[in-house]
Protein backbone atom coordinates (compact mmCIF):
# COMPACT_ATOMS: atom_id res chain seq x y z
CA MET A 1 143.03 159.46 51.26
CA ALA A 2 139.65 158.13 50.32
CA ALA A 3 138.13 155.54 52.62
CA PRO A 4 137.85 152.08 51.08
CA LYS A 5 134.46 151.13 49.76
CA LYS A 6 132.44 148.82 51.90
CA GLY A 7 132.06 145.47 50.18
CA ARG A 8 128.93 143.42 50.30
CA GLY A 9 128.47 141.25 53.33
CA PRO A 10 128.36 137.51 53.02
CA SER A 11 125.31 136.35 51.16
CA GLY A 12 123.24 133.27 51.64
CA GLY A 13 123.98 133.06 55.31
CA GLN A 14 127.60 132.06 54.66
CA GLY A 15 128.76 134.33 57.46
CA ARG A 16 126.46 132.54 59.95
CA PRO A 17 126.53 128.84 59.13
CA GLY A 18 125.28 128.00 62.62
CA ARG A 19 121.73 129.08 61.70
CA ALA A 20 121.49 126.61 58.82
CA LEU A 21 122.92 123.81 60.96
CA ALA A 22 120.49 124.59 63.78
CA LEU A 23 117.56 124.48 61.31
CA ILE A 24 118.43 121.06 59.92
CA LEU A 25 119.17 119.76 63.43
CA ILE A 26 115.69 120.86 64.58
CA ALA A 27 114.14 119.13 61.56
CA MET A 28 116.01 115.89 62.33
CA VAL A 29 114.97 115.95 66.00
CA ALA A 30 111.33 116.70 65.09
CA LEU A 31 111.13 113.90 62.53
CA THR A 32 112.84 111.39 64.80
CA GLY A 33 110.60 112.37 67.73
CA GLY A 34 107.50 112.10 65.59
CA MET A 35 108.61 108.66 64.42
CA PHE A 36 108.95 107.34 67.97
CA LEU A 37 105.82 109.07 69.28
CA SER A 38 103.71 107.62 66.46
CA GLY A 39 105.07 104.15 67.14
CA HIS A 40 106.10 103.66 63.51
CA THR A 41 109.83 103.19 63.96
CA THR A 42 110.31 101.19 60.78
CA PRO A 43 109.08 101.78 57.22
CA ARG A 44 106.12 99.78 56.01
CA LEU A 45 107.19 96.94 53.75
CA GLY A 46 105.52 96.11 50.46
CA ILE A 47 104.24 92.70 49.42
CA ASP A 48 107.58 91.62 47.93
CA LEU A 49 109.36 92.25 51.24
CA ALA A 50 106.72 91.58 53.92
CA GLY A 51 104.84 88.82 52.14
CA GLY A 52 101.19 88.73 51.14
CA THR A 53 98.89 87.60 48.35
CA SER A 54 98.90 88.45 44.66
CA ILE A 55 95.61 87.80 42.82
CA THR A 56 95.12 87.87 39.06
CA LEU A 57 91.54 88.61 37.95
CA LYS A 58 90.54 87.88 34.35
CA ALA A 59 87.61 89.79 32.87
CA LYS A 60 84.92 87.65 31.24
CA SER A 61 82.48 88.60 28.54
CA GLN A 62 78.92 89.37 29.57
CA PRO A 63 75.77 88.20 27.75
CA GLY A 64 74.72 90.75 25.19
CA LYS A 65 77.79 92.93 25.77
CA PRO A 66 80.59 91.69 23.48
CA ASP A 67 82.50 94.99 23.67
CA ALA A 68 82.27 95.41 27.44
CA ILE A 69 85.94 94.55 27.97
CA ASN A 70 87.60 97.85 27.09
CA GLN A 71 90.12 100.18 28.68
CA THR A 72 87.48 102.48 30.18
CA ASN A 73 85.66 99.66 31.98
CA MET A 74 88.95 98.10 33.11
CA ASP A 75 90.12 101.41 34.59
CA THR A 76 86.75 101.83 36.32
CA ALA A 77 87.01 98.32 37.76
CA VAL A 78 90.53 99.02 39.05
CA SER A 79 89.33 102.18 40.78
CA ILE A 80 86.36 100.43 42.44
CA ILE A 81 88.37 97.38 43.55
CA GLU A 82 91.07 99.64 44.98
CA ARG A 83 88.53 101.68 46.96
CA ARG A 84 86.80 98.51 48.12
CA VAL A 85 90.03 96.96 49.42
CA ASN A 86 91.28 100.21 50.92
CA GLY A 87 87.90 100.59 52.63
CA LEU A 88 88.97 97.68 54.82
CA GLY A 89 92.13 99.53 55.92
CA VAL A 90 94.58 97.71 53.62
CA SER A 91 96.11 100.97 52.38
CA GLU A 92 99.21 99.34 50.86
CA ALA A 93 97.23 97.22 48.39
CA GLU A 94 98.17 97.58 44.73
CA VAL A 95 95.54 97.28 42.01
CA GLN A 96 96.60 97.62 38.38
CA THR A 97 95.72 96.40 34.90
CA GLN A 98 97.91 93.99 32.98
CA GLY A 99 97.29 93.50 29.31
CA ARG A 100 93.79 93.88 27.89
CA ASP A 101 91.67 91.84 30.30
CA ASN A 102 93.67 91.17 33.49
CA ILE A 103 93.78 93.01 36.81
CA ILE A 104 96.55 92.32 39.33
CA VAL A 105 95.69 92.85 43.01
CA ASN A 106 98.56 92.71 45.52
CA ILE A 107 97.41 92.49 49.15
CA PRO A 108 100.22 92.75 51.73
CA LYS A 109 100.12 90.49 54.72
CA GLY A 110 98.12 92.18 57.48
CA THR A 111 95.11 92.11 59.77
CA ASN A 112 92.48 92.63 57.06
CA SER A 113 94.17 90.83 54.15
CA LYS A 114 91.80 87.83 54.39
CA GLN A 115 88.66 89.97 54.23
CA ALA A 116 90.23 92.00 51.42
CA ARG A 117 90.84 88.89 49.37
CA GLU A 118 87.26 87.75 49.88
CA GLN A 119 85.90 91.08 48.66
CA VAL A 120 88.35 91.23 45.75
CA GLY A 121 86.91 87.92 44.53
CA THR A 122 83.40 89.38 44.78
CA THR A 123 83.54 91.23 41.48
CA ALA A 124 80.09 90.90 39.91
CA GLN A 125 77.65 93.75 39.59
CA LEU A 126 75.49 94.73 42.54
CA TYR A 127 71.70 94.69 42.19
CA PHE A 128 68.65 95.21 44.41
CA ARG A 129 66.09 92.57 43.41
CA PRO A 130 62.62 91.84 44.86
CA VAL A 131 62.33 88.48 46.62
CA LEU A 132 59.70 86.20 45.10
CA ALA A 133 60.42 83.12 47.20
CA VAL A 134 62.84 81.91 49.84
CA THR A 135 63.39 78.58 51.53
CA GLU A 136 66.14 76.54 53.14
CA GLY A 137 69.37 76.18 51.21
CA LYS A 138 69.20 72.42 50.54
CA ALA A 139 67.94 70.98 47.28
CA THR A 140 64.33 69.75 47.10
CA PRO A 141 64.00 65.98 46.64
CA THR A 142 63.73 64.78 43.04
CA GLY A 143 60.28 64.98 41.58
CA THR A 144 59.15 68.05 43.50
CA ALA A 145 58.66 71.09 41.32
CA SER A 146 58.30 73.68 44.03
CA PRO A 147 59.79 74.24 47.48
CA SER A 148 58.24 72.74 50.55
CA ALA A 149 55.50 74.74 52.22
CA SER A 150 57.28 74.42 55.54
CA GLY A 151 60.52 76.02 54.37
CA SER A 152 61.37 79.24 56.19
CA PRO A 153 64.32 81.60 56.21
CA LYS A 154 66.20 82.47 59.36
CA PRO A 155 64.92 85.72 60.86
CA SER A 156 68.48 86.99 61.24
CA ALA A 157 69.05 86.63 57.51
CA SER A 158 66.41 89.23 56.78
CA PRO A 159 66.94 92.26 58.98
CA SER A 160 64.29 94.89 59.18
CA SER A 161 64.52 98.14 57.29
CA LYS A 162 63.39 101.63 58.22
CA GLU A 163 63.34 105.10 56.76
CA THR A 164 66.03 107.29 58.30
CA ALA A 165 64.41 110.52 57.18
CA SER A 166 61.36 110.03 59.36
CA GLY A 167 62.95 107.80 61.98
CA SER A 168 59.90 105.54 62.10
CA LYS A 169 60.67 101.91 62.82
CA ALA A 170 59.45 99.03 60.70
CA THR A 171 59.03 95.73 62.44
CA PRO A 172 59.35 92.32 60.79
CA SER A 173 56.27 90.46 59.71
CA ALA A 174 54.76 88.19 62.34
CA SER A 175 55.38 85.10 60.23
CA ALA A 176 58.30 84.53 57.91
CA THR A 177 57.04 81.16 56.66
CA THR A 178 57.29 80.70 52.92
CA GLN A 179 54.06 79.53 51.35
CA GLY A 180 54.41 77.08 48.47
CA ARG A 181 51.31 78.54 46.81
CA ALA A 182 52.80 82.04 46.82
CA VAL A 183 56.04 80.81 45.28
CA THR A 184 54.31 78.94 42.49
CA GLY A 185 51.88 81.76 41.87
CA ALA A 186 54.61 84.35 41.68
CA LEU A 187 56.54 82.31 39.15
CA THR A 188 53.50 81.51 37.03
CA LYS A 189 51.60 84.76 37.11
CA ASP A 190 54.26 87.46 37.25
CA THR A 191 57.98 88.05 37.80
CA SER A 192 57.55 90.90 40.27
CA PRO A 193 55.40 91.30 43.37
CA SER A 194 52.05 92.89 42.65
CA PRO A 195 49.60 93.74 45.47
CA SER A 196 46.03 92.60 45.29
CA ALA A 197 43.05 94.46 46.64
CA SER A 198 43.31 92.74 49.96
CA GLY A 199 47.02 93.44 50.27
CA THR A 200 48.07 89.81 49.79
CA PRO A 201 50.09 88.49 46.85
CA LYS A 202 48.22 86.87 44.04
CA ALA A 203 48.85 83.13 43.99
CA SER A 204 47.37 79.92 42.75
CA ALA A 205 47.41 76.55 44.42
CA SER A 206 49.59 74.95 41.77
CA PRO A 207 51.47 75.85 38.59
CA SER A 208 49.31 76.53 35.61
CA ALA A 209 49.15 73.80 33.06
CA SER A 210 50.04 76.32 30.40
CA ALA A 211 53.14 77.59 32.23
CA ASP A 212 55.78 78.62 29.71
CA PRO A 213 59.04 76.61 29.44
CA ALA A 214 61.12 79.45 30.96
CA THR A 215 59.01 79.38 34.14
CA ALA A 216 59.21 75.59 34.33
CA GLU A 217 62.98 75.75 33.88
CA LEU A 218 63.25 78.36 36.65
CA GLN A 219 61.17 76.18 38.99
CA LYS A 220 63.42 73.23 38.22
CA LYS A 221 66.56 75.27 38.95
CA PHE A 222 65.11 76.47 42.23
CA ALA A 223 64.16 72.94 43.28
CA GLU A 224 67.56 71.50 42.39
CA LEU A 225 69.60 74.39 43.78
CA ASP A 226 71.73 73.31 46.75
CA CYS A 227 73.16 76.32 48.59
CA SER A 228 74.67 74.26 51.39
CA THR A 229 77.80 73.55 49.30
CA LYS A 230 80.26 75.96 47.72
CA ALA A 231 79.90 74.25 44.33
CA GLY A 232 76.14 74.64 44.50
CA ARG A 233 76.35 78.33 45.37
CA ALA A 234 78.74 78.90 42.46
CA LYS A 235 76.06 77.74 39.99
CA ALA A 236 73.43 80.24 41.18
CA GLY A 237 72.98 83.64 39.59
CA THR A 238 75.75 83.32 36.98
CA ASP A 239 75.47 84.87 33.51
CA VAL A 240 72.06 86.37 34.29
CA LYS A 241 70.82 89.62 32.78
CA PRO A 242 69.48 92.31 35.15
CA THR A 243 66.06 92.03 33.48
CA ASP A 244 65.79 88.26 34.13
CA THR A 245 64.16 86.46 37.02
CA THR A 246 66.79 84.28 38.65
CA VAL A 247 67.64 82.01 41.57
CA ALA A 248 70.33 82.85 44.14
CA CYS A 249 71.85 81.64 47.40
CA SER A 250 72.50 83.54 50.60
CA SER A 251 76.16 84.29 51.28
CA GLU A 252 76.04 81.92 54.28
CA GLY A 253 74.41 79.16 52.19
CA ASP A 254 71.51 78.71 54.62
CA ALA A 255 68.80 80.01 52.28
CA LYS A 256 67.96 80.08 48.58
CA TYR A 257 65.88 82.65 46.76
CA VAL A 258 63.84 83.31 43.66
CA LEU A 259 64.56 86.92 42.71
CA GLY A 260 62.71 89.19 40.32
CA PRO A 261 64.29 91.55 37.78
CA ALA A 262 66.71 94.12 39.18
CA GLU A 263 64.96 97.33 40.22
CA VAL A 264 68.01 99.24 41.52
CA SER A 265 71.68 98.77 40.66
CA GLY A 266 74.80 99.36 42.76
CA THR A 267 75.59 102.51 40.79
CA ASP A 268 72.46 104.07 42.30
CA VAL A 269 73.95 103.90 45.81
CA ASP A 270 75.75 107.11 46.68
CA SER A 271 77.32 105.98 49.97
CA ALA A 272 76.94 103.46 52.76
CA LYS A 273 78.48 103.19 56.21
CA ALA A 274 78.28 101.03 59.30
CA ALA A 275 77.15 102.72 62.53
CA ILE A 276 75.79 101.90 65.97
CA ASP A 277 72.15 102.61 66.76
CA GLN A 278 72.51 104.19 70.19
CA GLN A 279 68.88 103.53 71.19
CA ARG A 280 68.90 99.81 70.37
CA GLY A 281 72.61 99.24 70.95
CA MET A 282 73.08 97.35 67.68
CA TRP A 283 75.08 97.72 64.48
CA ILE A 284 73.21 99.04 61.44
CA VAL A 285 74.09 99.95 57.85
CA GLN A 286 73.07 103.39 56.62
CA MET A 287 72.56 103.91 52.86
CA ASP A 288 72.23 107.08 50.82
CA PHE A 289 71.04 106.94 47.20
CA THR A 290 71.66 109.19 44.25
CA ASP A 291 68.74 111.29 43.00
CA LYS A 292 68.01 108.74 40.26
CA GLY A 293 68.49 105.83 42.63
CA SER A 294 66.23 107.41 45.24
CA LYS A 295 63.31 107.48 42.79
CA LYS A 296 63.89 103.85 41.83
CA PHE A 297 64.17 102.77 45.46
CA GLN A 298 60.99 104.65 46.35
CA GLN A 299 59.08 102.84 43.61
CA ILE A 300 60.25 99.34 44.58
CA THR A 301 59.73 99.85 48.33
CA SER A 302 56.25 101.25 47.64
CA LYS A 303 55.36 97.94 45.98
CA LEU A 304 57.10 95.74 48.54
CA SER A 305 55.62 97.43 51.60
CA THR A 306 52.14 96.10 50.73
CA GLN A 307 53.25 92.48 50.41
CA GLN A 308 53.40 89.65 52.88
CA SER A 309 56.64 87.93 53.83
CA PRO A 310 58.82 86.98 52.04
CA MET A 311 57.61 89.08 49.11
CA ASN A 312 58.07 92.27 51.10
CA GLN A 313 61.84 91.76 51.03
CA PHE A 314 64.40 93.08 48.58
CA ALA A 315 67.63 91.17 48.09
CA ILE A 316 71.03 92.83 47.83
CA ALA A 317 72.57 90.43 45.30
CA LEU A 318 76.28 90.46 44.57
CA ASP A 319 78.13 87.91 42.46
CA GLY A 320 75.14 85.59 42.43
CA GLU A 321 74.78 85.65 46.22
CA VAL A 322 72.34 87.47 48.47
CA VAL A 323 74.44 89.35 51.03
CA SER A 324 71.33 90.76 52.75
CA ALA A 325 67.55 90.58 52.30
CA PRO A 326 65.87 93.19 54.52
CA GLN A 327 62.08 93.42 54.85
CA VAL A 328 60.23 96.59 53.84
CA ASN A 329 57.13 97.74 55.72
CA GLU A 330 56.93 101.31 54.41
CA THR A 331 57.92 103.38 51.39
CA LEU A 332 61.56 104.47 51.55
CA SER A 333 63.44 107.09 49.56
CA GLY A 334 66.65 109.03 49.67
CA SER A 335 68.22 107.11 52.53
CA ALA A 336 67.54 103.93 54.45
CA GLU A 337 68.89 101.82 57.27
CA ILE A 338 69.42 98.07 57.30
CA SER A 339 69.33 96.55 60.77
CA GLY A 340 69.48 93.01 62.04
CA SER A 341 71.89 90.56 63.65
CA PHE A 342 74.99 92.44 62.52
CA THR A 343 78.40 92.29 64.12
CA GLN A 344 80.77 95.19 63.61
CA GLN A 345 82.68 93.25 60.95
CA SER A 346 79.57 92.09 59.04
CA ALA A 347 78.10 95.61 59.09
CA GLN A 348 81.35 97.10 57.77
CA ASP A 349 81.60 94.40 55.09
CA LEU A 350 78.05 95.06 53.88
CA ALA A 351 78.61 98.84 53.88
CA ASN A 352 81.82 98.34 51.93
CA VAL A 353 80.05 96.18 49.36
CA LEU A 354 77.23 98.73 48.99
CA SER A 355 79.67 101.61 48.60
CA TYR A 356 82.09 100.04 46.13
CA GLY A 357 80.37 96.93 44.84
CA ALA A 358 79.15 97.97 41.40
CA LEU A 359 81.67 96.91 38.76
CA PRO A 360 81.21 97.36 35.01
CA LEU A 361 82.64 93.86 34.38
CA SER A 362 82.61 90.40 35.87
CA PHE A 363 85.88 88.62 36.65
CA ASN A 364 87.21 85.14 37.27
CA GLU A 365 89.97 84.57 39.82
CA ASP A 366 92.69 83.34 37.46
CA THR A 367 95.69 82.81 39.75
CA VAL A 368 96.49 83.37 43.41
CA THR A 369 100.14 83.57 44.50
CA THR A 370 101.26 83.77 48.10
CA VAL A 371 104.58 85.50 48.83
CA THR A 372 106.11 84.42 52.11
CA ALA A 373 107.79 86.83 54.48
CA ALA A 374 110.91 84.63 54.39
CA LEU A 375 111.33 85.23 50.65
CA GLY A 376 110.74 88.93 51.16
CA GLY A 377 113.35 88.98 53.93
CA GLU A 378 115.89 87.41 51.61
CA GLN A 379 115.18 90.02 48.95
CA LEU A 380 115.49 92.83 51.48
CA GLN A 381 118.74 91.40 52.80
CA ALA A 382 120.13 91.17 49.26
CA GLY A 383 119.08 94.78 48.61
CA LEU A 384 120.70 96.00 51.82
CA ILE A 385 123.92 94.13 51.00
CA ALA A 386 123.97 95.75 47.55
CA GLY A 387 123.43 99.15 49.18
CA ALA A 388 126.21 98.54 51.69
CA ILE A 389 128.61 97.54 48.91
CA GLY A 390 127.72 100.65 46.93
CA LEU A 391 128.15 102.87 49.98
CA ALA A 392 131.51 101.24 50.82
CA LEU A 393 132.80 101.88 47.28
CA VAL A 394 131.73 105.53 47.51
CA VAL A 395 133.49 105.91 50.88
CA ILE A 396 136.69 104.30 49.58
CA TYR A 397 136.71 106.64 46.60
CA LEU A 398 136.08 109.72 48.74
CA VAL A 399 138.80 108.85 51.25
CA ALA A 400 141.35 107.97 48.57
CA TYR A 401 140.76 111.04 46.44
CA TYR A 402 139.49 113.74 48.80
CA ARG A 403 141.10 112.64 52.09
CA GLY A 404 139.96 115.05 54.82
CA LEU A 405 137.05 116.30 52.73
CA ALA A 406 135.68 112.75 52.87
CA LEU A 407 134.70 113.42 56.52
CA ILE A 408 132.33 116.20 55.43
CA ALA A 409 130.88 113.98 52.70
CA LEU A 410 130.28 111.08 55.12
CA LEU A 411 128.61 113.34 57.66
CA SER A 412 126.35 114.68 54.89
CA LEU A 413 125.49 111.14 53.78
CA LEU A 414 124.64 110.26 57.40
CA VAL A 415 122.30 113.24 57.71
CA SER A 416 120.67 112.36 54.38
CA GLY A 417 120.21 108.76 55.56
CA ILE A 418 118.55 109.84 58.83
CA LEU A 419 116.14 112.16 57.03
CA THR A 420 115.29 109.51 54.43
CA TYR A 421 114.64 106.80 57.01
CA THR A 422 112.46 108.93 59.28
CA LEU A 423 110.42 110.28 56.37
CA MET A 424 109.82 106.77 54.97
CA SER A 425 108.69 105.58 58.41
CA LEU A 426 106.27 108.49 58.79
CA LEU A 427 104.95 108.36 55.22
CA GLY A 428 103.83 104.74 55.70
CA PRO A 429 100.82 105.54 57.94
CA ALA A 430 100.40 109.04 56.47
CA ILE A 431 99.99 108.26 52.75
CA GLY A 432 100.22 104.47 52.66
CA PHE A 433 103.81 104.39 51.32
CA ALA A 434 105.21 100.87 51.37
CA LEU A 435 108.91 100.14 50.90
CA ASN A 436 109.32 97.52 48.20
CA LEU A 437 112.40 96.19 46.45
CA PRO A 438 112.37 98.79 43.62
CA ALA A 439 112.10 101.51 46.28
CA VAL A 440 115.21 100.09 47.96
CA CYS A 441 116.95 100.27 44.57
CA GLY A 442 115.90 103.92 44.29
CA ALA A 443 117.49 104.64 47.68
CA ILE A 444 120.72 102.94 46.56
CA VAL A 445 120.81 105.00 43.36
CA ALA A 446 120.30 108.11 45.50
CA ILE A 447 123.64 107.47 47.26
CA GLY A 448 125.43 108.19 44.01
CA ILE A 449 123.32 111.28 43.31
CA THR A 450 124.03 112.71 46.77
CA ALA A 451 127.75 111.94 46.54
CA ASP A 452 127.84 113.62 43.13
CA SER A 453 126.65 116.89 44.67
CA PHE A 454 129.49 116.84 47.20
CA ILE A 455 132.03 116.13 44.48
CA VAL A 456 130.80 119.07 42.39
CA TYR A 457 131.27 121.45 45.33
CA PHE A 458 134.66 120.04 46.35
CA GLU A 459 135.99 120.33 42.80
CA ARG A 460 134.89 123.93 42.55
CA ILE A 461 136.78 124.70 45.76
CA ARG A 462 139.88 122.93 44.49
CA ASP A 463 139.68 124.93 41.22
CA GLU A 464 139.68 128.15 43.22
CA ILE A 465 142.75 127.00 45.17
CA ARG A 466 144.54 126.15 41.92
CA GLU A 467 143.96 129.75 40.88
CA GLY A 468 146.03 130.83 43.89
CA ARG A 469 143.30 131.74 46.37
CA THR A 470 143.34 130.77 50.02
CA LEU A 471 140.75 128.36 51.42
CA ARG A 472 138.22 130.70 53.01
CA PRO A 473 137.70 132.89 49.91
CA ALA A 474 137.79 129.75 47.76
CA VAL A 475 134.94 128.18 49.73
CA GLU A 476 132.72 131.22 49.24
CA ARG A 477 133.65 131.90 45.59
CA ALA A 478 133.14 128.25 44.63
CA TRP A 479 129.65 128.02 46.13
CA PRO A 480 127.62 130.06 43.56
CA ARG A 481 128.94 128.04 40.62
CA ALA A 482 128.60 124.70 42.44
CA ARG A 483 125.09 125.64 43.59
CA ARG A 484 123.94 126.21 40.00
CA THR A 485 125.33 122.88 38.83
CA ILE A 486 123.83 120.97 41.77
CA LEU A 487 120.39 122.51 41.29
CA VAL A 488 120.35 121.75 37.55
CA SER A 489 121.50 118.17 38.12
CA ASP A 490 118.94 117.53 40.88
CA PHE A 491 116.18 119.16 38.85
CA VAL A 492 116.84 116.77 35.96
CA SER A 493 116.84 113.77 38.35
CA PHE A 494 113.63 114.91 40.04
CA LEU A 495 111.92 115.55 36.70
CA ALA A 496 112.84 112.05 35.53
CA ALA A 497 111.49 110.58 38.79
CA ALA A 498 108.25 112.58 38.50
CA VAL A 499 107.64 111.49 34.90
CA LEU A 500 108.39 107.87 35.81
CA PHE A 501 105.98 108.07 38.75
CA ILE A 502 103.18 109.46 36.58
CA VAL A 503 103.47 107.14 33.57
CA THR A 504 104.11 103.88 35.45
CA VAL A 505 102.09 101.77 37.88
CA GLY A 506 102.78 99.36 40.69
CA LYS A 507 106.23 98.70 42.02
CA VAL A 508 108.03 100.97 39.55
CA GLN A 509 106.28 103.88 41.21
CA GLY A 510 108.05 102.92 44.44
CA PHE A 511 111.40 103.36 42.69
CA ALA A 512 110.33 106.71 41.24
CA PHE A 513 108.92 107.97 44.55
CA THR A 514 112.07 107.08 46.51
CA LEU A 515 114.31 108.61 43.84
CA GLY A 516 112.33 111.85 43.85
CA LEU A 517 112.25 112.02 47.66
CA THR A 518 116.01 111.48 48.04
CA THR A 519 116.72 114.01 45.28
CA LEU A 520 114.80 116.69 47.19
CA LEU A 521 116.62 115.72 50.39
CA ASP A 522 119.93 116.06 48.55
CA VAL A 523 119.19 119.74 47.93
CA VAL A 524 118.22 120.24 51.58
CA VAL A 525 121.36 118.52 52.89
CA VAL A 526 123.77 120.33 50.56
CA PHE A 527 122.31 123.76 51.32
CA LEU A 528 121.68 123.38 55.05
CA PHE A 529 124.48 121.03 56.08
CA THR A 530 127.32 120.48 53.59
CA LYS A 531 127.89 124.17 52.76
CA PRO A 532 127.70 125.44 56.40
CA VAL A 533 130.00 122.64 57.63
CA MET A 534 132.49 123.40 54.85
CA THR A 535 132.45 127.07 55.91
CA LEU A 536 133.23 126.09 59.51
CA MET A 537 135.95 123.63 58.50
CA ALA A 538 137.64 126.31 56.39
CA ARG A 539 138.29 128.24 59.63
CA THR A 540 140.21 125.37 61.21
CA LYS A 541 143.99 125.16 60.96
CA PHE A 542 143.95 121.64 59.53
CA PHE A 543 142.08 122.68 56.40
CA SER A 544 143.08 126.34 56.08
CA SER A 545 146.83 125.53 56.25
CA GLY A 546 146.46 123.08 53.38
CA HIS A 547 147.52 119.98 55.32
CA SER A 548 148.61 117.13 53.06
CA TRP A 549 145.71 114.98 54.38
CA SER A 550 143.11 117.71 54.13
CA GLY A 551 142.52 117.13 50.44
CA LEU A 552 143.19 120.82 49.81
CA ASP A 553 147.00 120.90 49.70
CA PRO A 554 147.95 123.66 47.19
CA LYS A 555 151.12 121.81 46.13
CA ARG A 556 149.26 118.60 45.34
CA LEU A 557 146.65 120.59 43.44
CA GLY A 558 149.29 122.46 41.40
CA ALA A 559 148.26 125.87 42.66
CA LYS A 560 149.61 128.97 40.93
CA PRO A 561 151.59 131.46 42.98
CA PRO A 562 149.45 134.19 44.51
CA LEU A 563 148.84 137.10 42.18
CA ARG A 564 150.57 140.21 43.46
CA ARG A 565 150.23 143.75 42.13
CA SER A 566 153.52 145.56 41.35
CA ARG A 567 153.74 149.33 41.59
CA ARG A 568 155.05 151.04 38.42
CA VAL A 569 158.13 153.30 39.08
CA ASN A 570 158.81 156.12 36.64
CA ALA A 571 162.46 156.16 35.44
CA PRO A 572 164.44 159.44 36.15
CA ILE A 573 164.89 161.76 33.23
CA ASP A 574 168.46 161.97 31.87
CA PRO A 575 169.69 165.61 32.02
CA LYS A 576 171.36 165.15 28.68
CA GLU A 577 168.10 164.12 27.09
CA ALA A 578 166.40 167.05 28.70
């Protein structure tokens, strides 16, 4: 008698379900431990749930550039604003275009949200302009055409500058007093500082009688400019071409400037960062220029280094305001340092402006909407209630239709919930993921997708039992077919989520991201938990005997009688017929 052929052993680890269960248990413990060790025990909430500020910026046309408002420039502006805000640590901020000329900036409530809003509103182009004159920020009395000879800027407003390549220090000029003659001479004679043979700026005692109307108008603006008020500062430096001489206020409002044509633009700055000078124990800002910007910066600092104060200063002008006006005492190129009375925050703000300040468009702050945390809490509560109702309906259906199998489904849903929650909590600080209301909706939709996978597997098992097979073979024979269906279904769901994430912006991406994440987790849970648990349950008497409450009762399922082979018996031959 031939020995029976050895059949194939169980495939896919079905003979050792404990390994798969141990793997997913280790993953759950590791994720939960990482969540508690990192201190992020709850997911980050988006602006619609945690509260925050939503700002609408409207692009405005620029002089001489009627076609500047286009999709390319808008996308560039979105990218720069996003980097500028995120440079402050507000990683959950959303920046997106709306329509042809609007940008929506959502800043969640947090430590740096105030500074982020201030820098979002600072949307003009960044320029380095030579300083032609500087005096106190108040307006000159009526009838005076030039600033007072006694006006002087604060030394802290004009930090010294040095070349980082050589490490040589440059000290401020001994006197920072603004001379009325120099101001008038600079405006009348030339729009940029020009050294004389003696190294002092050319100047005349009073404006020339033949001064052109543009110069007279500029002098009038400078005399009437009042930087001590917000309204006054808003009038300075607006709608000015880079090639024009202009007036501007300091960001603090304590000084006003006459600035020459822009020599270097913000696009010429490669990078900037705040750092501590270990020798002097003070905060500084380090700048690196592009190759093109380095040549420009070398040319302007070569001119400025031969001038007397304040004409040896260059102003970093942003949105019509001078954020810094360092003095130059030597030719600089490639990289430079700005030092002065910086705090850590002011140094970081200036570095952030230098790094991300150059926008292709100018914007007006159209609307500002504040979302309170109370409103966000109500929305979250409503979303959680909707999720609880959906989960309760799924549980009722599973218990009523699948009875004992509902226990396996509920355990699988619990495992999926734990994995989803821990991953969302860890992804907040890791990639800046913020849970908003659409993301909550995506998690609710995922309950149905996960439950659908269980139902597919359970129905395949019940089909096998209807064919007359016992439970343990039915569990293993049903798995390959159920596995194919589950993978195809989840692939379609994940593909839809991926496409939605790519083609949409803002909050809809939260829905797509959550849907895609939970779809991947569904595959993990079904393969590493649901199938191994079902294999173990099939070995218990309650399920294997087909108990009426197991959900696998052959009688209730209308099972066919077991197929039995009958041996064929040859009939005896009749002697008569023989």
